[in-house]
Amino acid sequence: MATRLALYLFILAIGALVGLKGKLKEQITSKMDTIQALCLFFLLFIMGIRIGVDEKVLSSFFKLGYQAVILSAFSVLFSVVFVKCIKGYIVKENKEEEATNEF
């Protein structure tokens, strides 16, 4: 488990370094949103396959009931709200810094 987490962090660090160095062409960076969405859809598809194949997960799926649905819905809802709030604050702060740097 720890090695898998280390691998994920290593891959994340490599991606950050590539992004920092500006090694990607403008063509790729302009399509980054689409690439991320496609990768996310692929990940969700694979997760769905794993859920569908595992009989234990399917049999316990309905036992979890409405609590799991409520928990996941609120998690998604508050994650989106939190990101929107923080994004608004960061973008506002960056615009203020740019305005003060112009003078």
Protein backbone atom coordinates (compact mmCIF):
# COMPACT_ATOMS: atom_id res chain seq x y z
CA MET A 1 0.00 0.00 0.00
CA ALA A 2 2.80 2.42 0.90
CA THR A 3 4.67 1.63 -2.31
CA ARG A 4 1.56 2.32 -4.36
CA LEU A 5 1.10 5.68 -2.63
CA ALA A 6 4.77 6.50 -3.21
CA LEU A 7 4.32 5.64 -6.89
CA TYR A 8 1.31 7.95 -7.15
CA LEU A 9 3.20 10.79 -5.50
CA PHE A 10 6.21 10.19 -7.75
CA ILE A 11 4.03 10.34 -10.87
CA LEU A 12 2.40 13.51 -9.56
CA ALA A 13 5.82 15.09 -8.92
CA ILE A 14 7.03 14.18 -12.43
CA GLY A 15 3.93 15.79 -13.91
CA ALA A 16 4.47 18.91 -11.83
CA LEU A 17 8.09 19.15 -12.96
CA VAL A 18 7.11 18.75 -16.62
CA GLY A 19 4.51 21.47 -16.18
CA LEU A 20 6.94 23.77 -14.37
CA LYS A 21 9.66 23.40 -17.00
CA GLY A 22 7.19 24.18 -19.79
CA LYS A 23 8.17 21.06 -21.73
CA LEU A 24 4.70 20.57 -23.20
CA LYS A 25 3.74 22.08 -26.52
CA GLU A 26 1.01 24.71 -26.64
CA GLN A 27 -1.15 22.27 -28.60
CA ILE A 28 -1.20 19.83 -25.68
CA THR A 29 -1.65 22.42 -22.93
CA SER A 30 -4.57 24.00 -24.75
CA LYS A 31 -6.34 20.62 -24.81
CA MET A 32 -5.49 19.73 -21.19
CA ASP A 33 -9.12 20.01 -20.03
CA THR A 34 -10.24 17.52 -22.67
CA ILE A 35 -7.39 15.14 -21.85
CA GLN A 36 -8.21 15.27 -18.14
CA ALA A 37 -11.91 14.65 -18.79
CA LEU A 38 -11.17 11.65 -21.01
CA CYS A 39 -8.80 10.17 -18.43
CA LEU A 40 -11.40 10.69 -15.70
CA PHE A 41 -14.11 9.01 -17.78
CA PHE A 42 -11.77 6.08 -18.46
CA LEU A 43 -10.98 5.77 -14.75
CA LEU A 44 -14.69 5.79 -13.85
CA PHE A 45 -15.36 3.19 -16.55
CA ILE A 46 -12.67 0.88 -15.13
CA MET A 47 -14.01 1.40 -11.60
CA GLY A 48 -17.48 0.47 -12.85
CA ILE A 49 -16.13 -2.72 -14.38
CA ARG A 50 -14.42 -3.67 -11.10
CA ILE A 51 -17.66 -3.05 -9.19
CA GLY A 52 -19.68 -5.07 -11.71
CA VAL A 53 -17.31 -8.04 -11.62
CA ASP A 54 -17.10 -8.30 -7.81
CA GLU A 55 -20.10 -10.23 -6.49
CA LYS A 56 -19.46 -9.13 -2.88
CA VAL A 57 -19.67 -5.49 -3.85
CA LEU A 58 -22.88 -6.01 -5.81
CA SER A 59 -24.55 -7.99 -3.04
CA SER A 60 -23.66 -5.40 -0.39
CA PHE A 61 -24.42 -2.48 -2.69
CA PHE A 62 -28.10 -2.35 -1.76
CA LYS A 63 -27.42 -3.08 1.91
CA LEU A 64 -25.58 0.20 2.24
CA GLY A 65 -28.79 1.96 1.34
CA TYR A 66 -29.55 5.60 1.30
CA GLN A 67 -26.78 6.55 3.75
CA ALA A 68 -24.08 5.86 1.13
CA VAL A 69 -25.97 7.85 -1.48
CA ILE A 70 -26.43 10.79 0.89
CA LEU A 71 -22.80 10.70 2.02
CA SER A 72 -21.46 10.62 -1.53
CA ALA A 73 -23.87 13.31 -2.76
CA PHE A 74 -22.92 15.67 0.06
CA SER A 75 -19.23 14.94 -0.48
CA VAL A 76 -19.48 15.89 -4.13
CA LEU A 77 -21.67 18.90 -3.41
CA PHE A 78 -19.45 20.38 -0.73
CA SER A 79 -16.29 19.61 -2.73
CA VAL A 80 -17.64 21.60 -5.66
CA VAL A 81 -18.78 24.45 -3.40
CA PHE A 82 -15.42 24.55 -1.60
CA VAL A 83 -13.46 24.60 -4.88
CA LYS A 84 -15.67 27.39 -6.26
CA CYS A 85 -15.13 29.48 -3.11
CA ILE A 86 -11.38 28.96 -3.05
CA LYS A 87 -11.06 29.52 -6.80
CA GLY A 88 -12.90 32.82 -6.52
CA TYR A 89 -10.59 33.93 -3.71
CA ILE A 90 -7.40 32.89 -5.53
CA VAL A 91 -8.42 34.45 -8.85
CA LYS A 92 -9.41 37.66 -7.09
CA GLU A 93 -6.09 37.73 -5.22
CA ASN A 94 -4.11 37.16 -8.44
CA LYS A 95 -5.94 39.98 -10.23
CA GLU A 96 -5.17 42.34 -7.33
CA GLU A 97 -1.47 41.40 -7.48
CA GLU A 98 -1.39 42.00 -11.24
CA ALA A 99 -3.06 45.38 -10.77
CA THR A 100 -0.47 46.46 -8.18
CA ASN A 101 2.41 45.20 -10.35
CA GLU A 102 1.30 47.40 -13.25
CA PHE A 103 2.07 50.59 -11.36
